[in-house]
Amino acid sequence: MDGGLISDRLFGRRCRLPIAAWITQQQKDRFYQSEVPLFGTTSRSNVIEELRRLSELGMLTEVRPDDTSRVYYVRTASPLWDVVELAADTIGLRWDNGHVDLGQLT
């Protein structure tokens, strides 16, 4: 079964699991929304919407430095990240140099 289809059916949108999985693989303390790579038909507005949803779930914290209009995101210690990592590992979803392999469920 296609990993993108699994993300769509299980997580509500085809782009949700890949975006969340990208966040789990980041080594930096914080990131800006434009750092999340686009893939397939995913637009920048899709990414922003998903980051907002993850923030609402307490999985990300928004940081707005006084000297800039940018919004940075910091990953929290939410146990929901374990669900993301398990789902990504189960289907073999991998990010490599800004490119995603959505994997398969066999």
Protein backbone atom coordinates (compact mmCIF):
# COMPACT_ATOMS: atom_id res chain seq x y z
CA MET A 1 0.00 0.00 0.00
CA ASP A 2 1.30 3.46 -0.94
CA GLY A 3 2.79 5.49 1.95
CA GLY A 4 1.12 8.67 0.71
CA LEU A 5 -2.27 6.96 0.79
CA ILE A 6 -1.59 5.77 4.34
CA SER A 7 -0.70 9.32 5.40
CA ASP A 8 -3.92 10.59 3.81
CA ARG A 9 -6.21 7.98 5.36
CA LEU A 10 -4.56 7.61 8.76
CA PHE A 11 -3.42 11.19 9.33
CA GLY A 12 -6.06 13.08 7.33
CA ARG A 13 -3.86 14.52 4.60
CA ARG A 14 -1.29 13.08 2.25
CA CYS A 15 1.29 15.69 3.31
CA ARG A 16 0.81 15.47 7.10
CA LEU A 17 2.99 12.45 7.90
CA PRO A 18 5.89 13.47 5.62
CA ILE A 19 5.98 16.99 7.09
CA ALA A 20 5.87 15.66 10.66
CA ALA A 21 8.52 13.05 9.82
CA TRP A 22 10.79 15.77 8.41
CA ILE A 23 10.52 17.61 11.73
CA THR A 24 11.52 14.49 13.69
CA GLN A 25 14.72 14.25 11.64
CA GLN A 26 15.91 17.82 12.30
CA GLN A 27 18.98 18.32 14.45
CA LYS A 28 18.55 22.07 14.95
CA ASP A 29 16.76 23.54 17.95
CA ARG A 30 14.35 25.49 15.76
CA PHE A 31 13.37 25.89 12.12
CA TYR A 32 11.52 28.35 9.93
CA GLN A 33 8.54 27.25 7.86
CA SER A 34 10.35 27.81 4.55
CA GLU A 35 12.95 25.20 5.57
CA VAL A 36 10.38 22.40 5.25
CA PRO A 37 10.93 20.99 1.74
CA LEU A 38 8.03 20.96 -0.71
CA PHE A 39 7.21 17.65 -2.38
CA GLY A 40 4.61 16.38 -4.82
CA THR A 41 1.68 18.78 -4.91
CA THR A 42 2.37 20.15 -1.42
CA SER A 43 2.41 23.95 -1.38
CA ARG A 44 3.98 26.37 1.08
CA SER A 45 0.48 27.18 2.38
CA ASN A 46 -0.05 23.42 3.04
CA VAL A 47 3.16 23.39 5.09
CA ILE A 48 2.11 26.46 7.09
CA GLU A 49 -1.28 24.89 7.77
CA GLU A 50 0.30 21.64 8.98
CA LEU A 51 2.75 23.50 11.24
CA ARG A 52 -0.21 25.37 12.74
CA ARG A 53 -2.02 22.06 13.38
CA LEU A 54 1.06 20.53 15.02
CA SER A 55 1.35 23.65 17.20
CA GLU A 56 -2.30 23.30 18.24
CA LEU A 57 -1.56 19.71 19.30
CA GLY A 58 1.33 20.90 21.47
CA MET A 59 3.91 19.18 19.26
CA LEU A 60 5.51 22.49 18.23
CA THR A 61 5.99 25.81 19.96
CA GLU A 62 5.94 28.99 17.90
CA VAL A 63 8.75 31.45 18.65
CA ARG A 64 8.43 35.04 17.41
CA PRO A 65 11.64 37.00 18.07
CA ASP A 66 11.06 40.71 18.72
CA ASP A 67 13.50 41.82 16.04
CA THR A 68 11.85 39.95 13.15
CA SER A 69 8.45 39.12 11.71
CA ARG A 70 9.48 35.49 11.17
CA VAL A 71 7.87 32.66 13.07
CA TYR A 72 10.19 29.87 14.13
CA TYR A 73 9.06 26.47 15.34
CA VAL A 74 10.56 24.41 18.15
CA ARG A 75 9.74 20.73 18.56
CA THR A 76 8.35 19.89 21.99
CA ALA A 77 8.80 16.67 23.95
CA SER A 78 5.24 15.58 23.10
CA PRO A 79 4.76 11.79 23.12
CA LEU A 80 2.80 12.22 19.87
CA TRP A 81 6.16 12.40 18.07
CA ASP A 82 6.59 8.71 18.91
CA VAL A 83 3.45 8.00 16.85
CA VAL A 84 4.90 9.94 13.91
CA GLU A 85 8.22 8.10 14.10
CA LEU A 86 6.52 4.70 14.38
CA ALA A 87 4.25 5.40 11.39
CA ALA A 88 7.15 6.71 9.27
CA ASP A 89 9.32 3.71 10.20
CA THR A 90 6.48 1.27 9.49
CA ILE A 91 6.04 2.44 5.89
CA GLY A 92 9.71 3.26 5.31
CA LEU A 93 9.18 7.00 4.86
CA ARG A 94 12.59 8.69 4.57
CA TRP A 95 13.86 12.20 3.92
CA ASP A 96 17.23 12.58 2.20
CA ASN A 97 18.67 15.95 1.15
CA GLY A 98 15.25 17.58 0.85
CA HIS A 99 13.67 14.70 -1.06
CA VAL A 100 11.11 12.34 0.41
CA ASP A 101 10.58 8.65 -0.26
CA LEU A 102 7.02 8.02 0.92
CA GLY A 103 7.70 4.31 1.30
CA GLN A 104 5.30 1.41 1.01
CA LEU A 105 3.43 -0.89 3.34
CA THR A 106 3.81 -4.48 2.23
